[in-house]
Amino acid sequence: MSSPPKPEQIQNSSSSDSQETSGDINVFVNAEDYYICLINWSDQDKPLGGRQLKVQINNNEPITYTFKPSMELKAGNKVTLYHPDYKPRFTVPGNLVWMDLKSWKSGDRVQVSLQ
């Protein structure tokens, strides 16, 4: 599994997905392996508690993941939310399986926002 790109490497040239930057937290969509990665590039921990990650695939109804109140994204770290059918090669502590996350296929439009 390759590392997510640094902010300066993220481009929205693909029509199949969209990434965003929310403050110092970058949102990266892996269109092939059905996961979404939140990356804290800053040198400060960022609270995620109560924040919502919204995903819309094509024109379907958006779904929302609300982070637990105690959730925090440590400086320089990332958290990955996986589709329930995705089987990573190895498990990393802190990664989450999002049971409601629907899979998408090549060419689907995946819009993600962190609010």
C-alpha atoms as a PDB file:
ATOM      1  CA  MET A   1       0.000   0.000   0.000  1.00  0.00           C
ATOM      2  CA  SER A   2       1.490   3.329  -0.983  1.00  0.00           C
ATOM      3  CA  SER A   3       1.510   6.392   1.224  1.00  0.00           C
ATOM      4  CA  PRO A   4      -1.030   9.111   0.537  1.00  0.00           C
ATOM      5  CA  PRO A   5       0.376  12.065  -1.342  1.00  0.00           C
ATOM      6  CA  LYS A   6       1.572  15.179   0.449  1.00  0.00           C
ATOM      7  CA  PRO A   7      -0.723  18.226   0.061  1.00  0.00           C
ATOM      8  CA  GLU A   8       1.336  19.683  -2.751  1.00  0.00           C
ATOM      9  CA  GLN A   9       0.976  16.405  -4.683  1.00  0.00           C
ATOM     10  CA  ILE A  10      -2.827  16.214  -4.439  1.00  0.00           C
ATOM     11  CA  GLN A  11      -4.538  17.246  -7.629  1.00  0.00           C
ATOM     12  CA  ASN A  12      -8.213  17.178  -8.460  1.00  0.00           C
ATOM     13  CA  SER A  13      -7.541  16.173 -12.065  1.00  0.00           C
ATOM     14  CA  SER A  14      -9.444  12.902 -11.709  1.00  0.00           C
ATOM     15  CA  SER A  15     -13.130  13.005 -12.455  1.00  0.00           C
ATOM     16  CA  SER A  16     -13.730   9.999 -10.218  1.00  0.00           C
ATOM     17  CA  ASP A  17     -12.949  11.443  -6.812  1.00  0.00           C
ATOM     18  CA  SER A  18     -12.409  14.645  -4.900  1.00  0.00           C
ATOM     19  CA  GLN A  19     -10.122  15.486  -2.020  1.00  0.00           C
ATOM     20  CA  GLU A  20     -10.164  18.505   0.202  1.00  0.00           C
ATOM     21  CA  THR A  21      -8.147  20.267   2.826  1.00  0.00           C
ATOM     22  CA  SER A  22      -9.962  21.165   6.022  1.00  0.00           C
ATOM     23  CA  GLY A  23      -7.626  23.369   8.015  1.00  0.00           C
ATOM     24  CA  ASP A  24      -4.505  21.276   8.509  1.00  0.00           C
ATOM     25  CA  ILE A  25      -6.310  17.994   7.850  1.00  0.00           C
ATOM     26  CA  ASN A  26      -6.129  16.650   4.323  1.00  0.00           C
ATOM     27  CA  VAL A  27      -8.707  14.190   3.029  1.00  0.00           C
ATOM     28  CA  PHE A  28      -7.459  11.632   0.513  1.00  0.00           C
ATOM     29  CA  VAL A  29      -9.756   9.249  -1.398  1.00  0.00           C
ATOM     30  CA  ASN A  30      -8.266   5.994  -2.666  1.00  0.00           C
ATOM     31  CA  ALA A  31     -10.524   5.238  -5.611  1.00  0.00           C
ATOM     32  CA  GLU A  32      -9.159   1.719  -6.162  1.00  0.00           C
ATOM     33  CA  ASP A  33      -9.119   0.248  -2.649  1.00  0.00           C
ATOM     34  CA  TYR A  34     -12.262   1.867  -1.201  1.00  0.00           C
ATOM     35  CA  TYR A  35     -10.776   3.826   1.628  1.00  0.00           C
ATOM     36  CA  ILE A  36     -10.624   7.427   2.784  1.00  0.00           C
ATOM     37  CA  CYS A  37      -7.606   8.760   4.633  1.00  0.00           C
ATOM     38  CA  LEU A  38      -7.438  11.847   6.865  1.00  0.00           C
ATOM     39  CA  ILE A  39      -3.910  13.196   7.280  1.00  0.00           C
ATOM     40  CA  ASN A  40      -2.696  15.766   9.801  1.00  0.00           C
ATOM     41  CA  TRP A  41       0.359  17.407   8.200  1.00  0.00           C
ATOM     42  CA  SER A  42       0.615  20.039  10.945  1.00  0.00           C
ATOM     43  CA  ASP A  43       2.815  19.956  14.037  1.00  0.00           C
ATOM     44  CA  GLN A  44      -0.220  20.145  16.350  1.00  0.00           C
ATOM     45  CA  ASP A  45      -2.788  17.530  17.350  1.00  0.00           C
ATOM     46  CA  LYS A  46      -6.231  18.184  15.845  1.00  0.00           C
ATOM     47  CA  PRO A  47      -9.520  17.241  17.520  1.00  0.00           C
ATOM     48  CA  LEU A  48     -11.865  15.194  15.342  1.00  0.00           C
ATOM     49  CA  GLY A  49     -14.477  14.572  18.054  1.00  0.00           C
ATOM     50  CA  GLY A  50     -17.942  15.511  16.837  1.00  0.00           C
ATOM     51  CA  ARG A  51     -16.721  16.385  13.331  1.00  0.00           C
ATOM     52  CA  GLN A  52     -18.449  14.720  10.422  1.00  0.00           C
ATOM     53  CA  LEU A  53     -17.043  13.093   7.311  1.00  0.00           C
ATOM     54  CA  LYS A  54     -19.598  13.200   4.479  1.00  0.00           C
ATOM     55  CA  VAL A  55     -19.342  11.002   1.397  1.00  0.00           C
ATOM     56  CA  GLN A  56     -21.489  11.154  -1.710  1.00  0.00           C
ATOM     57  CA  ILE A  57     -21.049   8.613  -4.496  1.00  0.00           C
ATOM     58  CA  ASN A  58     -22.437   9.827  -7.820  1.00  0.00           C
ATOM     59  CA  ASN A  59     -25.883  11.314  -7.128  1.00  0.00           C
ATOM     60  CA  ASN A  60     -26.733   8.950  -4.263  1.00  0.00           C
ATOM     61  CA  GLU A  61     -27.801  10.240  -0.874  1.00  0.00           C
ATOM     62  CA  PRO A  62     -24.704  11.359   1.110  1.00  0.00           C
ATOM     63  CA  ILE A  63     -23.707   9.303   4.133  1.00  0.00           C
ATOM     64  CA  THR A  64     -22.097  10.723   7.256  1.00  0.00           C
ATOM     65  CA  TYR A  65     -19.547   9.384   9.719  1.00  0.00           C
ATOM     66  CA  THR A  66     -19.419  11.249  13.043  1.00  0.00           C
ATOM     67  CA  PHE A  67     -16.195  10.873  15.003  1.00  0.00           C
ATOM     68  CA  LYS A  68     -16.426   9.890  18.672  1.00  0.00           C
ATOM     69  CA  PRO A  69     -16.026  12.833  21.100  1.00  0.00           C
ATOM     70  CA  SER A  70     -12.559  11.707  22.245  1.00  0.00           C
ATOM     71  CA  MET A  71     -11.149  11.233  18.720  1.00  0.00           C
ATOM     72  CA  GLU A  72      -7.994  13.215  18.004  1.00  0.00           C
ATOM     73  CA  LEU A  73      -5.666  13.145  15.021  1.00  0.00           C
ATOM     74  CA  LYS A  74      -2.109  13.421  16.310  1.00  0.00           C
ATOM     75  CA  ALA A  75       0.393  15.705  14.577  1.00  0.00           C
ATOM     76  CA  GLY A  76       1.916  14.016  11.530  1.00  0.00           C
ATOM     77  CA  ASN A  77      -0.456  11.035  11.744  1.00  0.00           C
ATOM     78  CA  LYS A  78      -3.342   9.727   9.695  1.00  0.00           C
ATOM     79  CA  VAL A  79      -6.516   7.751  10.203  1.00  0.00           C
ATOM     80  CA  THR A  80      -8.011   5.582   7.484  1.00  0.00           C
ATOM     81  CA  LEU A  81     -11.667   4.640   7.096  1.00  0.00           C
ATOM     82  CA  TYR A  82     -12.193   1.449   5.120  1.00  0.00           C
ATOM     83  CA  HIS A  83     -15.144  -0.006   3.244  1.00  0.00           C
ATOM     84  CA  PRO A  84     -16.311  -3.108   5.196  1.00  0.00           C
ATOM     85  CA  ASP A  85     -15.418  -5.480   2.318  1.00  0.00           C
ATOM     86  CA  TYR A  86     -11.857  -4.177   1.968  1.00  0.00           C
ATOM     87  CA  LYS A  87      -9.271  -6.534   3.399  1.00  0.00           C
ATOM     88  CA  PRO A  88      -6.036  -4.639   4.056  1.00  0.00           C
ATOM     89  CA  ARG A  89      -2.796  -6.626   3.880  1.00  0.00           C
ATOM     90  CA  PHE A  90      -2.109  -5.657   7.475  1.00  0.00           C
ATOM     91  CA  THR A  91      -4.068  -3.880  10.188  1.00  0.00           C
ATOM     92  CA  VAL A  92      -2.835  -0.598  11.605  1.00  0.00           C
ATOM     93  CA  PRO A  93      -4.095   0.500  15.049  1.00  0.00           C
ATOM     94  CA  GLY A  94      -6.414   3.482  14.769  1.00  0.00           C
ATOM     95  CA  ASN A  95      -7.788   2.576  11.367  1.00  0.00           C
ATOM     96  CA  LEU A  96     -11.560   2.319  11.233  1.00  0.00           C
ATOM     97  CA  VAL A  97     -14.035   0.178   9.311  1.00  0.00           C
ATOM     98  CA  TRP A  98     -16.978   2.325   8.256  1.00  0.00           C
ATOM     99  CA  MET A  99     -19.837  -0.161   8.030  1.00  0.00           C
ATOM    100  CA  ASP A 100     -22.119   2.219   6.080  1.00  0.00           C
ATOM    101  CA  LEU A 101     -19.483   3.129   3.493  1.00  0.00           C
ATOM    102  CA  LYS A 102     -20.608   1.933   0.071  1.00  0.00           C
ATOM    103  CA  SER A 103     -18.150   0.707  -2.515  1.00  0.00           C
ATOM    104  CA  TRP A 104     -17.564   2.582  -5.730  1.00  0.00           C
ATOM    105  CA  LYS A 105     -16.135   1.628  -9.080  1.00  0.00           C
ATOM    106  CA  SER A 106     -13.860   3.236 -11.606  1.00  0.00           C
ATOM    107  CA  GLY A 107     -15.546   6.271 -13.115  1.00  0.00           C
ATOM    108  CA  ASP A 108     -17.828   6.908 -10.119  1.00  0.00           C
ATOM    109  CA  ARG A 109     -17.785  10.417  -8.706  1.00  0.00           C
ATOM    110  CA  VAL A 110     -16.808  10.282  -5.026  1.00  0.00           C
ATOM    111  CA  GLN A 111     -17.144  13.544  -3.115  1.00  0.00           C
ATOM    112  CA  VAL A 112     -15.809  13.730   0.428  1.00  0.00           C
ATOM    113  CA  SER A 113     -15.915  16.597   2.902  1.00  0.00           C
ATOM    114  CA  LEU A 114     -14.852  16.968   6.516  1.00  0.00           C
ATOM    115  CA  GLN A 115     -17.091  19.339   8.474  1.00  0.00           C
END
